[in-house]
Amino acid sequence: MSVSRRARTLLTTTAAALLLSVAGPGLAAAAGGATAAAPAAVREIRAPAFNAGGVWYLFQTNATVRVDLTQDGAGRLFGTVSSGNTVGTLREGSVDGNNIYFIVGWNHGPVGRYTGVRGPDGRLSGTTFDLTNPSSQATWRTDRTF
């Protein structure tokens, strides 16, 4: 086999392998004629349908919380919250489609996990509970629309 033919064969084989690795198991199965099982822990990530950045308030059944967030293009949330003299920092958070999720480490010890959804009216509502004391739970909502 000539050098140029060998180089073309190597380039074609490498390109095919790259295409199959990028396209995933569905294309590989179709190309090879065999069926491939999808990975067990596949999670669909949806683009953020709204921006939760800015200053807004959520009204819990047991408190009013001032939220001051920024949101990046991938939907990750960063910021702080406060309720009276109690302050907290987001440890993690994100907007995924119409869903919002964040965890707040409060300065007096509790760690709140907030989950919610944007309703048809554009307002957020959801539930929260203390990760250090899961029986401490509350519902919440916003008056602001997103």
N, C-alpha and C. Protein backbone atom coordinates (compact mmCIF):
# COMPACT_ATOMS: atom_id res chain seq x y z
N MET A 1 0.85 -1.17 0.00
CA MET A 1 0.00 0.00 0.00
C MET A 1 0.89 1.23 0.00
N SER A 2 0.59 2.20 -0.85
CA SER A 2 1.40 3.40 -0.95
C SER A 2 1.20 4.27 0.29
N VAL A 3 2.15 5.19 0.49
CA VAL A 3 2.09 6.06 1.66
C VAL A 3 0.84 6.95 1.61
N SER A 4 0.52 7.51 0.45
CA SER A 4 -0.65 8.40 0.39
C SER A 4 -1.94 7.62 0.61
N ARG A 5 -2.01 6.37 0.10
CA ARG A 5 -3.21 5.56 0.32
C ARG A 5 -3.33 5.18 1.79
N ARG A 6 -2.21 4.83 2.41
CA ARG A 6 -2.20 4.51 3.83
C ARG A 6 -2.63 5.72 4.66
N ALA A 7 -2.16 6.92 4.29
CA ALA A 7 -2.52 8.14 5.01
C ALA A 7 -4.01 8.43 4.86
N ARG A 8 -4.57 8.22 3.63
CA ARG A 8 -6.00 8.43 3.43
C ARG A 8 -6.82 7.45 4.24
N THR A 9 -6.39 6.18 4.29
CA THR A 9 -7.10 5.16 5.07
C THR A 9 -7.09 5.53 6.54
N LEU A 10 -5.92 5.94 7.04
CA LEU A 10 -5.81 6.34 8.45
C LEU A 10 -6.67 7.56 8.73
N LEU A 11 -6.65 8.55 7.84
CA LEU A 11 -7.46 9.74 8.02
C LEU A 11 -8.95 9.40 7.99
N THR A 12 -9.39 8.56 7.08
CA THR A 12 -10.80 8.16 6.98
C THR A 12 -11.23 7.40 8.23
N THR A 13 -10.39 6.47 8.70
CA THR A 13 -10.70 5.70 9.90
C THR A 13 -10.79 6.61 11.12
N THR A 14 -9.86 7.55 11.23
CA THR A 14 -9.86 8.48 12.35
C THR A 14 -11.10 9.37 12.31
N ALA A 15 -11.46 9.86 11.13
CA ALA A 15 -12.65 10.71 11.00
C ALA A 15 -13.91 9.93 11.37
N ALA A 16 -14.02 8.68 10.93
CA ALA A 16 -15.19 7.86 11.26
C ALA A 16 -15.28 7.63 12.77
N ALA A 17 -14.14 7.34 13.39
CA ALA A 17 -14.14 7.12 14.85
C ALA A 17 -14.54 8.39 15.59
N LEU A 18 -14.04 9.54 15.12
CA LEU A 18 -14.40 10.80 15.74
C LEU A 18 -15.89 11.08 15.58
N LEU A 19 -16.43 10.86 14.39
CA LEU A 19 -17.85 11.07 14.15
C LEU A 19 -18.70 10.19 15.05
N LEU A 20 -18.34 8.92 15.18
CA LEU A 20 -19.11 8.02 16.03
C LEU A 20 -18.99 8.39 17.50
N SER A 21 -17.83 8.88 17.93
CA SER A 21 -17.70 9.25 19.34
C SER A 21 -18.49 10.51 19.65
N VAL A 22 -18.60 11.43 18.70
CA VAL A 22 -19.37 12.66 18.92
C VAL A 22 -20.87 12.38 18.80
N ALA A 23 -21.27 11.56 17.82
CA ALA A 23 -22.68 11.29 17.58
C ALA A 23 -23.30 10.42 18.64
N GLY A 24 -22.51 9.59 19.28
CA GLY A 24 -23.02 8.77 20.37
C GLY A 24 -23.49 7.40 19.92
N PRO A 25 -24.07 6.64 20.86
CA PRO A 25 -24.41 5.25 20.60
C PRO A 25 -25.49 5.05 19.56
N GLY A 26 -26.39 6.03 19.37
CA GLY A 26 -27.46 5.87 18.39
C GLY A 26 -26.93 5.72 16.98
N LEU A 27 -25.99 6.59 16.58
CA LEU A 27 -25.41 6.51 15.26
C LEU A 27 -24.51 5.30 15.15
N ALA A 28 -23.78 4.99 16.20
CA ALA A 28 -22.90 3.83 16.17
C ALA A 28 -23.71 2.56 15.95
N ALA A 29 -24.87 2.46 16.59
CA ALA A 29 -25.71 1.28 16.43
C ALA A 29 -26.23 1.19 15.00
N ALA A 30 -26.68 2.32 14.45
CA ALA A 30 -27.20 2.31 13.09
C ALA A 30 -26.09 1.97 12.11
N ALA A 31 -24.89 2.49 12.34
CA ALA A 31 -23.79 2.24 11.43
C ALA A 31 -23.33 0.80 11.52
N GLY A 32 -23.34 0.21 12.70
CA GLY A 32 -22.83 -1.15 12.87
C GLY A 32 -23.89 -2.22 12.74
N GLY A 33 -25.15 -1.85 12.68
CA GLY A 33 -26.22 -2.83 12.55
C GLY A 33 -26.62 -3.46 13.88
N ALA A 34 -25.91 -3.18 14.94
CA ALA A 34 -26.24 -3.74 16.25
C ALA A 34 -26.96 -2.68 17.05
N THR A 35 -27.66 -3.10 18.07
CA THR A 35 -28.33 -2.13 18.93
C THR A 35 -27.44 -1.86 20.12
N ALA A 36 -27.43 -0.61 20.53
CA ALA A 36 -26.64 -0.21 21.69
C ALA A 36 -27.58 0.38 22.72
N ALA A 37 -27.42 0.00 23.96
CA ALA A 37 -28.26 0.52 25.04
C ALA A 37 -27.79 1.92 25.40
N ALA A 38 -28.73 2.80 25.68
CA ALA A 38 -28.39 4.15 26.11
C ALA A 38 -27.85 4.09 27.53
N PRO A 39 -26.95 5.01 27.89
CA PRO A 39 -26.44 5.03 29.26
C PRO A 39 -27.59 5.16 30.26
N ALA A 40 -27.46 4.51 31.39
CA ALA A 40 -28.53 4.46 32.39
C ALA A 40 -28.81 5.82 33.00
N ALA A 41 -27.79 6.65 33.18
CA ALA A 41 -27.98 7.91 33.91
C ALA A 41 -27.96 9.11 32.96
N VAL A 42 -28.72 9.05 31.89
CA VAL A 42 -28.80 10.17 30.97
C VAL A 42 -29.81 11.17 31.52
N ARG A 43 -29.41 12.43 31.62
CA ARG A 43 -30.30 13.48 32.11
C ARG A 43 -30.39 14.55 31.04
N GLU A 44 -31.59 14.82 30.62
CA GLU A 44 -31.80 15.86 29.62
C GLU A 44 -31.63 17.21 30.28
N ILE A 45 -30.76 18.03 29.71
CA ILE A 45 -30.56 19.38 30.21
C ILE A 45 -31.21 20.32 29.21
N ARG A 46 -32.13 21.12 29.69
CA ARG A 46 -32.84 22.05 28.83
C ARG A 46 -32.29 23.45 29.01
N ALA A 47 -32.32 24.21 27.96
CA ALA A 47 -31.87 25.60 28.03
C ALA A 47 -32.77 26.37 28.98
N PRO A 48 -32.20 27.31 29.72
CA PRO A 48 -33.03 28.12 30.62
C PRO A 48 -34.12 28.84 29.84
N ALA A 49 -35.36 28.74 30.30
CA ALA A 49 -36.48 29.41 29.64
C ALA A 49 -36.69 30.81 30.21
N PHE A 50 -35.98 31.14 31.28
CA PHE A 50 -36.11 32.46 31.89
C PHE A 50 -34.83 32.79 32.63
N ASN A 51 -34.66 34.06 32.96
CA ASN A 51 -33.50 34.52 33.71
C ASN A 51 -33.95 34.89 35.11
N ALA A 52 -33.40 34.21 36.11
CA ALA A 52 -33.76 34.47 37.51
C ALA A 52 -32.85 35.52 38.15
N GLY A 53 -32.00 36.15 37.34
CA GLY A 53 -31.09 37.15 37.87
C GLY A 53 -31.82 38.39 38.35
N GLY A 54 -31.18 39.10 39.27
CA GLY A 54 -31.74 40.33 39.81
C GLY A 54 -32.13 40.19 41.27
N VAL A 55 -32.75 41.23 41.78
CA VAL A 55 -33.23 41.23 43.17
C VAL A 55 -34.72 40.99 43.13
N TRP A 56 -35.17 40.00 43.89
CA TRP A 56 -36.59 39.69 43.98
C TRP A 56 -36.87 39.04 45.33
N TYR A 57 -38.14 38.87 45.63
CA TYR A 57 -38.54 38.32 46.92
C TYR A 57 -39.32 37.03 46.71
N LEU A 58 -39.03 36.08 47.61
CA LEU A 58 -39.89 34.89 47.66
C LEU A 58 -40.56 34.87 49.01
N PHE A 59 -41.81 34.52 48.97
CA PHE A 59 -42.65 34.53 50.17
C PHE A 59 -42.88 33.09 50.60
N GLN A 60 -42.17 32.71 51.67
CA GLN A 60 -42.34 31.37 52.24
C GLN A 60 -43.50 31.40 53.21
N THR A 61 -43.99 30.23 53.56
CA THR A 61 -45.06 30.16 54.55
C THR A 61 -44.57 30.64 55.91
N ASN A 62 -43.25 30.66 56.12
CA ASN A 62 -42.72 31.05 57.43
C ASN A 62 -41.75 32.24 57.39
N ALA A 63 -41.53 32.86 56.22
CA ALA A 63 -40.59 33.99 56.13
C ALA A 63 -40.68 34.64 54.75
N THR A 64 -40.17 35.86 54.66
CA THR A 64 -39.98 36.53 53.38
C THR A 64 -38.49 36.59 53.13
N VAL A 65 -38.07 36.17 51.94
CA VAL A 65 -36.65 36.07 51.63
C VAL A 65 -36.32 36.99 50.46
N ARG A 66 -35.33 37.87 50.67
CA ARG A 66 -34.82 38.72 49.60
C ARG A 66 -33.75 37.93 48.86
N VAL A 67 -33.89 37.82 47.55
CA VAL A 67 -32.98 37.03 46.72
C VAL A 67 -32.24 37.99 45.79
N ASP A 68 -30.92 37.86 45.71
CA ASP A 68 -30.10 38.69 44.82
C ASP A 68 -29.19 37.75 44.02
N LEU A 69 -29.60 37.47 42.79
CA LEU A 69 -28.91 36.44 41.99
C LEU A 69 -28.37 36.98 40.69
N THR A 70 -27.36 36.29 40.18
CA THR A 70 -26.92 36.43 38.79
C THR A 70 -27.03 35.05 38.17
N GLN A 71 -27.24 35.03 36.88
CA GLN A 71 -27.40 33.77 36.15
C GLN A 71 -26.51 33.83 34.91
N ASP A 72 -25.71 32.77 34.71
CA ASP A 72 -24.88 32.75 33.51
C ASP A 72 -25.64 32.12 32.35
N GLY A 73 -25.03 32.06 31.17
CA GLY A 73 -25.68 31.56 29.97
C GLY A 73 -26.09 30.10 30.04
N ALA A 74 -25.44 29.33 30.90
CA ALA A 74 -25.77 27.91 31.06
C ALA A 74 -26.89 27.71 32.08
N GLY A 75 -27.35 28.79 32.71
CA GLY A 75 -28.43 28.68 33.69
C GLY A 75 -27.95 28.53 35.13
N ARG A 76 -26.63 28.55 35.37
CA ARG A 76 -26.13 28.43 36.75
C ARG A 76 -26.39 29.72 37.51
N LEU A 77 -26.76 29.57 38.77
CA LEU A 77 -27.10 30.71 39.63
C LEU A 77 -26.02 30.96 40.66
N PHE A 78 -25.82 32.24 40.97
CA PHE A 78 -24.85 32.67 41.98
C PHE A 78 -25.47 33.84 42.73
N GLY A 79 -25.18 33.94 44.04
CA GLY A 79 -25.68 35.10 44.75
C GLY A 79 -25.89 34.89 46.22
N THR A 80 -26.70 35.80 46.78
CA THR A 80 -26.97 35.81 48.21
C THR A 80 -28.46 35.98 48.46
N VAL A 81 -28.85 35.64 49.68
CA VAL A 81 -30.24 35.81 50.12
C VAL A 81 -30.21 36.38 51.53
N SER A 82 -31.34 36.95 51.94
CA SER A 82 -31.43 37.44 53.32
C SER A 82 -32.89 37.43 53.75
N SER A 83 -33.05 37.32 55.05
CA SER A 83 -34.37 37.38 55.67
C SER A 83 -34.16 38.01 57.04
N GLY A 84 -34.56 39.28 57.16
CA GLY A 84 -34.26 39.99 58.40
C GLY A 84 -32.76 40.14 58.56
N ASN A 85 -32.23 39.74 59.73
CA ASN A 85 -30.79 39.79 59.98
C ASN A 85 -30.07 38.51 59.56
N THR A 86 -30.79 37.58 59.01
CA THR A 86 -30.20 36.30 58.61
C THR A 86 -29.80 36.39 57.14
N VAL A 87 -28.57 36.00 56.85
CA VAL A 87 -28.09 36.04 55.46
C VAL A 87 -27.62 34.65 55.05
N GLY A 88 -27.62 34.46 53.75
CA GLY A 88 -27.17 33.18 53.22
C GLY A 88 -26.51 33.36 51.87
N THR A 89 -25.74 32.36 51.48
CA THR A 89 -25.03 32.35 50.21
C THR A 89 -25.43 31.11 49.43
N LEU A 90 -25.66 31.30 48.14
CA LEU A 90 -25.96 30.14 47.30
C LEU A 90 -24.73 29.26 47.21
N ARG A 91 -24.91 27.99 47.51
CA ARG A 91 -23.83 27.00 47.36
C ARG A 91 -23.84 26.43 45.95
N GLU A 92 -25.04 26.33 45.39
CA GLU A 92 -25.21 25.89 44.01
C GLU A 92 -26.63 26.25 43.60
N GLY A 93 -26.87 26.28 42.31
CA GLY A 93 -28.21 26.57 41.83
C GLY A 93 -28.23 26.63 40.32
N SER A 94 -29.42 26.45 39.76
CA SER A 94 -29.55 26.51 38.30
C SER A 94 -30.99 26.69 37.89
N VAL A 95 -31.14 27.18 36.66
CA VAL A 95 -32.42 27.22 35.97
C VAL A 95 -32.30 26.23 34.82
N ASP A 96 -33.26 25.32 34.72
CA ASP A 96 -33.26 24.27 33.70
C ASP A 96 -34.66 24.24 33.10
N GLY A 97 -34.80 24.77 31.88
CA GLY A 97 -36.13 24.90 31.31
C GLY A 97 -36.93 25.89 32.14
N ASN A 98 -38.08 25.48 32.66
CA ASN A 98 -38.91 26.32 33.53
C ASN A 98 -38.72 26.00 35.00
N ASN A 99 -37.72 25.18 35.33
CA ASN A 99 -37.47 24.78 36.71
C ASN A 99 -36.33 25.59 37.30
N ILE A 100 -36.42 25.84 38.61
CA ILE A 100 -35.35 26.52 39.34
C ILE A 100 -35.00 25.68 40.56
N TYR A 101 -33.72 25.70 40.89
CA TYR A 101 -33.21 24.92 42.01
C TYR A 101 -32.03 25.67 42.60
N PHE A 102 -31.99 25.78 43.92
CA PHE A 102 -30.79 26.32 44.55
C PHE A 102 -30.70 25.87 45.99
N ILE A 103 -29.47 25.86 46.49
CA ILE A 103 -29.18 25.50 47.87
C ILE A 103 -28.52 26.71 48.54
N VAL A 104 -29.06 27.08 49.70
CA VAL A 104 -28.58 28.24 50.45
C VAL A 104 -27.99 27.78 51.77
N GLY A 105 -26.76 28.21 52.03
CA GLY A 105 -26.16 28.02 53.35
C GLY A 105 -26.43 29.27 54.16
N TRP A 106 -27.30 29.15 55.18
CA TRP A 106 -27.67 30.29 56.02
C TRP A 106 -26.61 30.49 57.11
N ASN A 107 -26.37 31.75 57.51
CA ASN A 107 -25.31 32.05 58.49
C ASN A 107 -25.59 31.48 59.87
N HIS A 108 -26.83 31.11 60.19
CA HIS A 108 -27.12 30.56 61.52
C HIS A 108 -27.18 29.02 61.51
N GLY A 109 -26.75 28.39 60.41
CA GLY A 109 -26.63 26.93 60.41
C GLY A 109 -27.45 26.15 59.41
N PRO A 110 -28.73 26.42 59.25
CA PRO A 110 -29.52 25.62 58.32
C PRO A 110 -29.01 25.72 56.88
N VAL A 111 -29.31 24.71 56.10
CA VAL A 111 -28.98 24.67 54.68
C VAL A 111 -30.29 24.41 53.94
N GLY A 112 -30.79 25.43 53.27
CA GLY A 112 -32.08 25.33 52.60
C GLY A 112 -31.95 24.86 51.17
N ARG A 113 -32.79 23.91 50.80
CA ARG A 113 -32.87 23.43 49.41
C ARG A 113 -34.19 23.93 48.85
N TYR A 114 -34.11 24.76 47.81
CA TYR A 114 -35.28 25.36 47.17
C TYR A 114 -35.46 24.77 45.78
N THR A 115 -36.66 24.28 45.49
CA THR A 115 -37.01 23.83 44.15
C THR A 115 -38.32 24.48 43.76
N GLY A 116 -38.43 24.83 42.49
CA GLY A 116 -39.65 25.47 42.04
C GLY A 116 -39.80 25.40 40.54
N VAL A 117 -40.91 25.94 40.08
CA VAL A 117 -41.24 25.94 38.66
C VAL A 117 -41.88 27.27 38.30
N ARG A 118 -41.64 27.71 37.07
CA ARG A 118 -42.30 28.91 36.57
C ARG A 118 -43.65 28.51 36.01
N GLY A 119 -44.70 29.09 36.55
CA GLY A 119 -46.06 28.76 36.12
C GLY A 119 -46.46 29.51 34.87
N PRO A 120 -47.64 29.22 34.35
CA PRO A 120 -48.14 29.89 33.15
C PRO A 120 -48.25 31.41 33.31
N ASP A 121 -48.40 31.88 34.57
CA ASP A 121 -48.48 33.31 34.82
C ASP A 121 -47.09 33.95 34.95
N GLY A 122 -46.01 33.16 34.80
CA GLY A 122 -44.65 33.68 34.88
C GLY A 122 -44.09 33.75 36.28
N ARG A 123 -44.89 33.43 37.30
CA ARG A 123 -44.42 33.48 38.69
C ARG A 123 -43.79 32.14 39.07
N LEU A 124 -42.84 32.22 39.98
CA LEU A 124 -42.19 31.01 40.49
C LEU A 124 -42.90 30.55 41.76
N SER A 125 -42.98 29.24 41.95
CA SER A 125 -43.49 28.69 43.20
C SER A 125 -42.85 27.33 43.41
N GLY A 126 -42.76 26.94 44.68
CA GLY A 126 -42.14 25.67 44.96
C GLY A 126 -42.13 25.33 46.43
N THR A 127 -41.16 24.49 46.79
CA THR A 127 -41.00 24.04 48.16
C THR A 127 -39.56 24.22 48.59
N THR A 128 -39.36 24.27 49.89
CA THR A 128 -38.03 24.32 50.45
C THR A 128 -38.01 23.46 51.71
N PHE A 129 -36.84 22.93 51.99
CA PHE A 129 -36.66 22.25 53.27
C PHE A 129 -35.21 22.40 53.70
N ASP A 130 -35.00 22.23 55.00
CA ASP A 130 -33.68 22.36 55.62
C ASP A 130 -32.98 21.00 55.50
N LEU A 131 -31.86 20.97 54.78
CA LEU A 131 -31.11 19.72 54.62
C LEU A 131 -30.57 19.19 55.94
N THR A 132 -30.37 20.08 56.92
CA THR A 132 -29.88 19.64 58.23
C THR A 132 -31.01 19.18 59.14
N ASN A 133 -32.26 19.51 58.75
CA ASN A 133 -33.45 19.12 59.52
C ASN A 133 -34.61 18.97 58.53
N PRO A 134 -34.66 17.86 57.77
CA PRO A 134 -35.64 17.71 56.68
C PRO A 134 -37.10 17.87 57.08
N SER A 135 -37.43 17.75 58.36
CA SER A 135 -38.83 17.93 58.75
C SER A 135 -39.22 19.41 58.72
N SER A 136 -38.23 20.31 58.65
CA SER A 136 -38.51 21.74 58.55
C SER A 136 -38.71 22.09 57.07
N GLN A 137 -39.98 22.24 56.68
CA GLN A 137 -40.33 22.45 55.28
C GLN A 137 -41.26 23.65 55.14
N ALA A 138 -41.29 24.23 53.95
CA ALA A 138 -42.20 25.34 53.67
C ALA A 138 -42.46 25.39 52.17
N THR A 139 -43.55 26.02 51.80
CA THR A 139 -43.81 26.31 50.39
C THR A 139 -43.44 27.77 50.16
N TRP A 140 -43.22 28.14 48.91
CA TRP A 140 -42.88 29.51 48.59
C TRP A 140 -43.43 29.89 47.22
N ARG A 141 -43.51 31.22 47.01
CA ARG A 141 -43.97 31.76 45.73
C ARG A 141 -43.37 33.15 45.56
N THR A 142 -43.40 33.65 44.33
CA THR A 142 -42.97 35.01 44.05
C THR A 142 -44.16 35.80 43.51
N ASP A 143 -44.13 37.11 43.72
CA ASP A 143 -45.09 38.00 43.08
C ASP A 143 -44.54 38.48 41.73
N ARG A 144 -43.21 38.52 41.64
CA ARG A 144 -42.56 38.96 40.40
C ARG A 144 -42.77 37.90 39.32
N THR A 145 -42.89 38.33 38.09
CA THR A 145 -42.97 37.40 36.96
C THR A 145 -41.61 37.31 36.30
N PHE A 146 -41.33 36.17 35.71
CA PHE A 146 -40.05 35.91 35.06
C PHE A 146 -40.28 35.51 33.60
